[in-house]
Amino acid sequence: MEKDDYYDLKIILWLILFIVFGIIVIACKPGIRDYVMTVNGPESPGKMGVTLEHEHILVDFIGADSTGYFRWNRDSVIEKVLPVVIKAKEKGMKTFIDCTPSYLGRDPWLLKELSRKSGVVFITNTGYYGSGKNKYVPEKFFEKDNETSAAEWISEFENGIEESGVKPGFIKIAVENDSVISPEHRKIVTVAGLTHLKTGMVIASHTGPENLAFGQIDILKGLGINPSAFIWVHAQRGSMEALISAARQGAWISLDNIRYRPGLESGADNSIEWYAGRIAELKKQGLLDKVLISHDSGWYRPGEPGGGNISGFTDLFDYLIPELRIKGFSQQDIDQILVKNPGEAFKIKIRKLNE
């Protein structure tokens, strides 16, 4: 081999190695392989930090046939809500998951501006809220077949919500507090399942009682979906046995409405001590990695003077975490609940049975 040919071959080999190395680096970047979808685009779950996984900036209870962006002034909402968000940020919150669905006050432009002004990461959703006798679901939804309805939610994930450029990061639905799931709400759950199978967005369902939680899990299993794609919202309304059973199947147990209630007897249902006890029991059962917690607070209400009273987002930090520490929770345990679990739950990932 001539000397020049040797050097040419050496250069070619180095170029090949460089290209291969570049492909490996790109493929292994967490932001490419694993991500959550925020109002500012995809982000690594590892960068979510302390996350409040069920909160609301604004909720409009007027109904699907009457609501719209004309019902509120974004600047007025931001003026009132921004200081409350900043207080939570000062306590350590980095990511705020807004659970207000479409036709109930979802506003991607509002959340994006709040994110810009506060430096907090916001995540919004797609889906419909069936609770309230379908008052917040457009009538046309029930006239369409499941695949057509799912295509609309899928389109928001792929193309953005309206003209905002903001994409949803999860599916928010709700079922009525009845003894069984109605046919209309079976449709909502089914459409959510079909949407998950195409997008990998987790399904957060306002549920409550355990019979409805297991009914939804069964519907999703029938579609070939692993229960880890399901967040049982308001799981505090279920029995401890039901929480353990659902978590062992893989479902996420979301304990919401955690707020300090002055005058409520220590240890009474929905007291800080009561919530801490439930979390401690789930830890004892080896299920701390399936627990999600939040306030379900905020609630700027269009139509009320000044948007009404805004409940804050700091009680978890001021009351619950100190109570958990009394029960022996380490910082690692607390990070598991507030950092690791939301990152895993809201990671965009299609979760099929037997996978």
Protein backbone atom coordinates (compact mmCIF):
# COMPACT_ATOMS: atom_id res chain seq x y z
CA MET A 1 0.00 0.00 0.00
CA GLU A 2 1.32 3.41 -0.95
CA LYS A 3 1.94 5.89 1.88
CA ASP A 4 -0.68 8.31 0.52
CA ASP A 5 -3.24 5.51 0.26
CA TYR A 6 -2.56 4.59 3.91
CA TYR A 7 -3.25 8.13 5.08
CA ASP A 8 -6.42 8.36 2.95
CA LEU A 9 -7.71 5.11 4.49
CA LYS A 10 -6.86 6.36 7.97
CA ILE A 11 -8.82 9.59 7.39
CA ILE A 12 -11.81 7.63 6.09
CA LEU A 13 -11.78 5.34 9.13
CA TRP A 14 -11.61 8.32 11.49
CA LEU A 15 -14.54 9.94 9.67
CA ILE A 16 -16.59 6.74 9.98
CA LEU A 17 -15.81 6.50 13.70
CA PHE A 18 -16.73 10.16 14.18
CA ILE A 19 -20.08 9.70 12.44
CA VAL A 20 -20.88 6.53 14.40
CA PHE A 21 -19.97 8.24 17.68
CA GLY A 22 -22.19 11.22 16.80
CA ILE A 23 -25.14 8.95 16.08
CA ILE A 24 -24.67 7.15 19.41
CA VAL A 25 -24.50 10.44 21.34
CA ILE A 26 -27.65 11.80 19.70
CA ALA A 27 -29.56 8.55 20.24
CA CYS A 28 -28.61 8.47 23.94
CA LYS A 29 -29.56 12.05 24.77
CA PRO A 30 -32.36 11.92 27.41
CA GLY A 31 -34.15 14.85 25.84
CA ILE A 32 -34.56 12.85 22.63
CA ARG A 33 -35.28 9.40 24.06
CA ASP A 34 -37.29 10.33 27.18
CA TYR A 35 -39.26 13.54 27.44
CA VAL A 36 -42.26 15.30 28.89
CA MET A 37 -44.18 17.84 26.82
CA THR A 38 -44.31 21.32 28.36
CA VAL A 39 -45.95 24.49 27.04
CA ASN A 40 -42.47 25.44 25.79
CA GLY A 41 -41.83 22.13 24.05
CA PRO A 42 -40.23 18.79 25.00
CA GLU A 43 -38.09 18.61 28.10
CA SER A 44 -36.19 15.87 29.89
CA PRO A 45 -38.14 14.38 32.83
CA GLY A 46 -34.97 14.76 34.85
CA LYS A 47 -35.27 18.54 34.59
CA MET A 48 -38.82 18.76 35.98
CA GLY A 49 -37.62 19.09 39.57
CA VAL A 50 -40.22 19.43 42.31
CA THR A 51 -43.58 19.04 40.56
CA LEU A 52 -47.12 19.87 41.63
CA GLU A 53 -49.00 17.37 39.49
CA HIS A 54 -52.64 18.47 39.91
CA GLU A 55 -53.30 22.21 40.07
CA HIS A 56 -55.40 24.80 38.26
CA ILE A 57 -54.70 28.35 37.18
CA LEU A 58 -58.20 29.12 35.90
CA VAL A 59 -61.47 27.16 35.81
CA ASP A 60 -64.63 28.36 34.07
CA PHE A 61 -67.74 26.50 35.23
CA ILE A 62 -70.23 28.12 32.83
CA GLY A 63 -70.37 25.11 30.49
CA ALA A 64 -69.05 23.97 27.12
CA ASP A 65 -71.73 25.82 25.18
CA SER A 66 -70.91 29.20 26.75
CA THR A 67 -67.21 29.30 27.66
CA GLY A 68 -64.45 30.83 25.59
CA TYR A 69 -61.36 33.01 25.83
CA PHE A 70 -63.60 36.08 25.79
CA ARG A 71 -64.67 35.13 29.32
CA TRP A 72 -61.41 36.35 30.90
CA ASN A 73 -58.69 38.90 30.44
CA ARG A 74 -55.29 37.22 30.44
CA ASP A 75 -53.47 40.23 31.85
CA SER A 76 -55.89 40.39 34.79
CA VAL A 77 -55.53 36.67 35.46
CA ILE A 78 -51.73 36.90 35.38
CA GLU A 79 -51.72 39.91 37.70
CA LYS A 80 -53.67 37.96 40.32
CA VAL A 81 -52.19 34.48 39.89
CA LEU A 82 -48.51 35.20 39.22
CA PRO A 83 -47.66 36.15 42.84
CA VAL A 84 -49.26 32.89 44.05
CA VAL A 85 -47.19 30.88 41.56
CA ILE A 86 -44.03 32.73 42.61
CA LYS A 87 -44.65 31.84 46.27
CA ALA A 88 -44.73 28.15 45.36
CA LYS A 89 -41.59 28.57 43.29
CA GLU A 90 -39.85 30.09 46.31
CA LYS A 91 -40.76 26.92 48.24
CA GLY A 92 -39.00 24.81 45.62
CA MET A 93 -41.63 24.10 42.96
CA LYS A 94 -40.20 23.95 39.46
CA THR A 95 -42.99 22.34 37.40
CA PHE A 96 -46.73 23.09 37.52
CA ILE A 97 -49.11 20.64 35.86
CA ASP A 98 -52.34 22.43 34.99
CA CYS A 99 -55.31 20.03 34.98
CA THR A 100 -57.95 22.34 33.50
CA PRO A 101 -59.33 20.65 30.37
CA SER A 102 -60.68 22.12 27.16
CA TYR A 103 -64.15 23.70 27.51
CA LEU A 104 -63.50 24.21 31.24
CA GLY A 105 -61.02 27.08 30.98
CA ARG A 106 -57.87 25.64 29.40
CA ASP A 107 -55.77 28.47 27.97
CA PRO A 108 -52.38 27.54 26.48
CA TRP A 109 -51.47 31.18 25.75
CA LEU A 110 -52.08 32.08 29.40
CA LEU A 111 -49.91 29.22 30.67
CA LYS A 112 -47.09 30.02 28.28
CA GLU A 113 -47.04 33.65 29.40
CA LEU A 114 -47.11 32.61 33.05
CA SER A 115 -44.18 30.30 32.37
CA ARG A 116 -42.24 33.15 30.78
CA LYS A 117 -42.92 35.57 33.63
CA SER A 118 -42.39 33.11 36.49
CA GLY A 119 -39.66 30.82 35.20
CA VAL A 120 -41.86 27.86 36.21
CA VAL A 121 -42.39 24.97 33.78
CA PHE A 122 -46.07 24.45 32.87
CA ILE A 123 -47.71 21.39 31.33
CA THR A 124 -51.23 21.43 29.87
CA ASN A 125 -53.53 18.72 28.52
CA THR A 126 -55.99 17.43 25.97
CA GLY A 127 -59.23 15.55 26.72
CA TYR A 128 -62.74 16.23 28.06
CA TYR A 129 -64.20 16.46 31.56
CA GLY A 130 -67.31 14.27 31.80
CA SER A 131 -68.15 14.91 35.46
CA GLY A 132 -71.00 17.38 35.97
CA LYS A 133 -73.44 15.50 33.73
CA ASN A 134 -71.33 16.26 30.65
CA LYS A 135 -71.82 20.00 31.04
CA TYR A 136 -68.21 20.55 30.01
CA VAL A 137 -68.21 18.24 26.99
CA PRO A 138 -69.29 19.56 23.57
CA GLU A 139 -72.41 17.74 22.39
CA LYS A 140 -70.84 16.89 19.03
CA PHE A 141 -68.31 14.65 20.83
CA PHE A 142 -70.94 11.98 21.50
CA GLU A 143 -72.11 12.05 17.88
CA LYS A 144 -68.73 10.94 16.51
CA ASP A 145 -67.15 7.50 16.52
CA ASN A 146 -64.28 6.83 18.90
CA GLU A 147 -61.55 6.90 16.26
CA THR A 148 -62.66 10.31 14.94
CA SER A 149 -62.79 11.76 18.44
CA ALA A 150 -59.37 10.34 19.29
CA ALA A 151 -57.95 11.82 16.09
CA GLU A 152 -58.84 15.31 17.36
CA TRP A 153 -56.95 14.82 20.62
CA ILE A 154 -54.06 13.21 18.77
CA SER A 155 -53.93 16.19 16.42
CA GLU A 156 -53.45 18.55 19.36
CA PHE A 157 -50.44 16.51 20.45
CA GLU A 158 -48.97 16.37 16.97
CA ASN A 159 -49.82 19.88 15.74
CA GLY A 160 -50.51 21.98 18.83
CA ILE A 161 -53.64 23.39 20.46
CA GLU A 162 -55.42 25.68 18.01
CA GLU A 163 -52.89 28.27 16.81
CA SER A 164 -50.94 28.51 20.07
CA GLY A 165 -48.08 26.21 19.09
CA VAL A 166 -48.47 24.64 22.55
CA LYS A 167 -48.79 20.85 22.69
CA PRO A 168 -50.49 18.93 25.51
CA GLY A 169 -48.39 16.74 27.79
CA PHE A 170 -51.15 14.47 29.12
CA ILE A 171 -54.81 13.51 28.72
CA LYS A 172 -57.24 14.88 31.33
CA ILE A 173 -60.67 13.26 31.59
CA ALA A 174 -63.35 12.84 34.24
CA VAL A 175 -66.12 10.36 34.94
CA GLU A 176 -69.31 10.95 36.92
CA ASN A 177 -69.48 9.88 40.56
CA ASP A 178 -72.00 7.09 39.89
CA SER A 179 -72.15 3.44 40.85
CA VAL A 180 -71.06 2.39 37.35
CA ILE A 181 -69.44 4.08 34.38
CA SER A 182 -72.07 5.39 31.98
CA PRO A 183 -71.91 4.59 28.23
CA GLU A 184 -70.98 8.24 27.55
CA HIS A 185 -68.08 8.04 29.95
CA ARG A 186 -66.99 4.65 28.67
CA LYS A 187 -66.60 6.50 25.38
CA ILE A 188 -64.46 9.21 27.00
CA VAL A 189 -62.20 6.59 28.61
CA THR A 190 -61.98 4.62 25.36
CA VAL A 191 -61.07 7.71 23.35
CA ALA A 192 -58.43 8.54 25.95
CA GLY A 193 -57.04 5.01 25.58
CA LEU A 194 -56.90 5.26 21.79
CA THR A 195 -55.15 8.61 22.13
CA HIS A 196 -52.60 7.14 24.53
CA LEU A 197 -51.79 4.32 22.11
CA LYS A 198 -50.88 6.86 19.43
CA THR A 199 -49.17 9.52 21.56
CA GLY A 200 -47.89 7.98 24.80
CA MET A 201 -49.56 10.66 26.93
CA VAL A 202 -50.61 9.46 30.37
CA ILE A 203 -54.34 9.55 31.24
CA ALA A 204 -55.22 11.53 34.38
CA SER A 205 -58.84 10.82 35.25
CA HIS A 206 -60.89 12.74 37.83
CA THR A 207 -62.39 9.66 39.45
CA GLY A 208 -62.74 9.33 43.19
CA PRO A 209 -64.51 6.12 44.24
CA GLU A 210 -62.65 2.87 43.66
CA ASN A 211 -65.30 1.08 41.60
CA LEU A 212 -64.90 3.75 38.93
CA ALA A 213 -61.11 3.54 39.07
CA PHE A 214 -61.08 -0.22 38.53
CA GLY A 215 -63.78 0.11 35.85
CA GLN A 216 -61.54 2.48 33.89
CA ILE A 217 -58.49 0.28 34.39
CA ASP A 218 -60.48 -2.63 32.95
CA ILE A 219 -61.51 -0.58 29.90
CA LEU A 220 -57.89 0.37 29.27
CA LYS A 221 -56.71 -3.20 29.73
CA GLY A 222 -59.31 -4.23 27.14
CA LEU A 223 -57.51 -1.90 24.73
CA GLY A 224 -54.19 -3.54 25.56
CA ILE A 225 -53.01 -0.66 27.78
CA ASN A 226 -50.97 -1.15 30.93
CA PRO A 227 -52.49 0.44 34.09
CA SER A 228 -49.29 2.50 34.40
CA ALA A 229 -50.85 4.73 31.74
CA PHE A 230 -53.61 5.65 34.22
CA ILE A 231 -53.57 8.21 37.04
CA TRP A 232 -56.35 7.68 39.58
CA VAL A 233 -57.12 11.31 40.41
CA HIS A 234 -58.71 11.89 43.84
CA ALA A 235 -57.68 8.42 44.93
CA GLN A 236 -57.97 9.63 48.52
CA ARG A 237 -61.68 8.80 48.19
CA GLY A 238 -60.89 5.11 47.84
CA SER A 239 -60.15 2.60 50.58
CA MET A 240 -56.57 1.84 51.55
CA GLU A 241 -57.01 -1.70 50.22
CA ALA A 242 -58.13 -0.34 46.84
CA LEU A 243 -55.19 2.06 46.62
CA ILE A 244 -52.78 -0.78 47.28
CA SER A 245 -54.46 -3.04 44.73
CA ALA A 246 -54.47 -0.39 41.98
CA ALA A 247 -50.87 0.58 42.67
CA ARG A 248 -49.76 -3.06 42.52
CA GLN A 249 -51.34 -3.27 39.08
CA GLY A 250 -49.22 -0.29 38.08
CA ALA A 251 -51.72 2.59 38.28
CA TRP A 252 -50.63 5.94 39.70
CA ILE A 253 -52.25 6.90 43.00
CA SER A 254 -52.93 10.65 43.03
CA LEU A 255 -53.81 12.01 46.47
CA ASP A 256 -55.30 15.44 45.85
CA ASN A 257 -56.92 18.29 47.77
CA ILE A 258 -54.04 18.28 50.26
CA ARG A 259 -54.62 21.54 52.10
CA TYR A 260 -54.30 22.72 55.66
CA ARG A 261 -57.81 23.10 57.06
CA PRO A 262 -57.91 25.20 60.25
CA GLY A 263 -60.18 23.69 62.85
CA LEU A 264 -60.09 20.20 61.38
CA GLU A 265 -59.27 17.71 64.11
CA SER A 266 -55.84 16.12 63.83
CA GLY A 267 -56.13 12.72 62.17
CA ALA A 268 -59.63 13.38 60.83
CA ASP A 269 -60.36 12.46 57.22
CA ASN A 270 -58.64 14.91 54.82
CA SER A 271 -56.46 16.39 57.55
CA ILE A 272 -52.74 16.75 56.91
CA GLU A 273 -52.06 13.91 59.36
CA TRP A 274 -54.60 11.68 57.57
CA TYR A 275 -52.91 12.23 54.19
CA ALA A 276 -49.49 11.61 55.70
CA GLY A 277 -50.78 8.37 57.19
CA ARG A 278 -52.00 7.14 53.82
CA ILE A 279 -48.70 7.97 52.16
CA ALA A 280 -46.84 6.24 55.00
CA GLU A 281 -48.93 3.10 54.52
CA LEU A 282 -48.22 3.06 50.79
CA LYS A 283 -44.52 3.38 51.60
CA LYS A 284 -44.81 0.48 54.06
CA GLN A 285 -46.34 -1.62 51.26
CA GLY A 286 -43.39 -0.83 48.99
CA LEU A 287 -45.52 1.38 46.73
CA LEU A 288 -44.08 4.84 47.32
CA ASP A 289 -42.93 4.87 43.69
CA LYS A 290 -46.61 4.97 42.57
CA VAL A 291 -47.69 7.96 44.70
CA LEU A 292 -48.48 11.44 43.34
CA ILE A 293 -49.61 14.36 45.51
CA SER A 294 -50.94 17.86 44.93
CA HIS A 295 -53.25 20.58 46.24
CA ASP A 296 -55.84 20.81 43.44
CA SER A 297 -55.66 24.54 44.18
CA GLY A 298 -55.73 27.84 42.30
CA TRP A 299 -59.08 28.31 40.61
CA TYR A 300 -59.30 31.83 39.18
CA ARG A 301 -63.02 31.93 38.33
CA PRO A 302 -64.25 34.07 35.43
CA GLY A 303 -67.51 35.77 36.28
CA GLU A 304 -66.59 36.34 39.92
CA PRO A 305 -65.26 39.74 41.05
CA GLY A 306 -61.52 39.74 40.59
CA GLY A 307 -61.62 36.05 39.74
CA GLY A 308 -62.67 35.11 43.28
CA ASN A 309 -60.36 33.84 46.00
CA ILE A 310 -57.23 32.06 44.81
CA SER A 311 -56.08 29.20 47.02
CA GLY A 312 -52.31 28.84 47.12
CA PHE A 313 -49.84 26.13 46.23
CA THR A 314 -47.67 25.97 49.37
CA ASP A 315 -49.48 23.78 51.93
CA LEU A 316 -47.56 20.69 50.82
CA PHE A 317 -44.33 22.44 51.70
CA ASP A 318 -45.55 24.15 54.86
CA TYR A 319 -47.56 21.32 56.44
CA LEU A 320 -47.43 17.93 54.69
CA ILE A 321 -43.67 17.56 54.23
CA PRO A 322 -42.95 18.40 57.90
CA GLU A 323 -45.56 15.79 58.90
CA LEU A 324 -43.93 13.21 56.64
CA ARG A 325 -40.56 13.94 58.22
CA ILE A 326 -42.10 13.30 61.64
CA LYS A 327 -43.12 9.88 60.27
CA GLY A 328 -39.53 9.16 59.30
CA PHE A 329 -39.55 10.13 55.63
CA SER A 330 -36.10 10.95 54.28
CA GLN A 331 -35.30 13.56 51.67
CA GLN A 332 -34.92 10.68 49.23
CA ASP A 333 -38.51 9.59 49.99
CA ILE A 334 -39.82 13.11 49.46
CA ASP A 335 -37.89 13.46 46.20
CA GLN A 336 -39.37 10.14 45.11
CA ILE A 337 -42.88 11.55 45.46
CA LEU A 338 -42.36 15.11 44.22
CA VAL A 339 -39.57 14.67 41.65
CA LYS A 340 -39.08 11.11 40.39
CA ASN A 341 -42.70 9.94 40.29
CA PRO A 342 -44.09 12.88 38.26
CA GLY A 343 -41.17 12.56 35.85
CA GLU A 344 -41.97 8.91 35.26
CA ALA A 345 -45.77 9.31 35.23
CA PHE A 346 -45.84 12.17 32.71
CA LYS A 347 -43.07 10.82 30.50
CA ILE A 348 -44.31 10.42 26.95
CA LYS A 349 -44.35 6.68 26.57
CA ILE A 350 -46.82 4.18 25.10
CA ARG A 351 -47.49 1.65 27.86
CA LYS A 352 -48.89 -1.64 26.62
CA LEU A 353 -49.85 -4.74 28.56
CA ASN A 354 -47.09 -7.34 28.93
CA GLU A 355 -44.36 -4.90 27.94
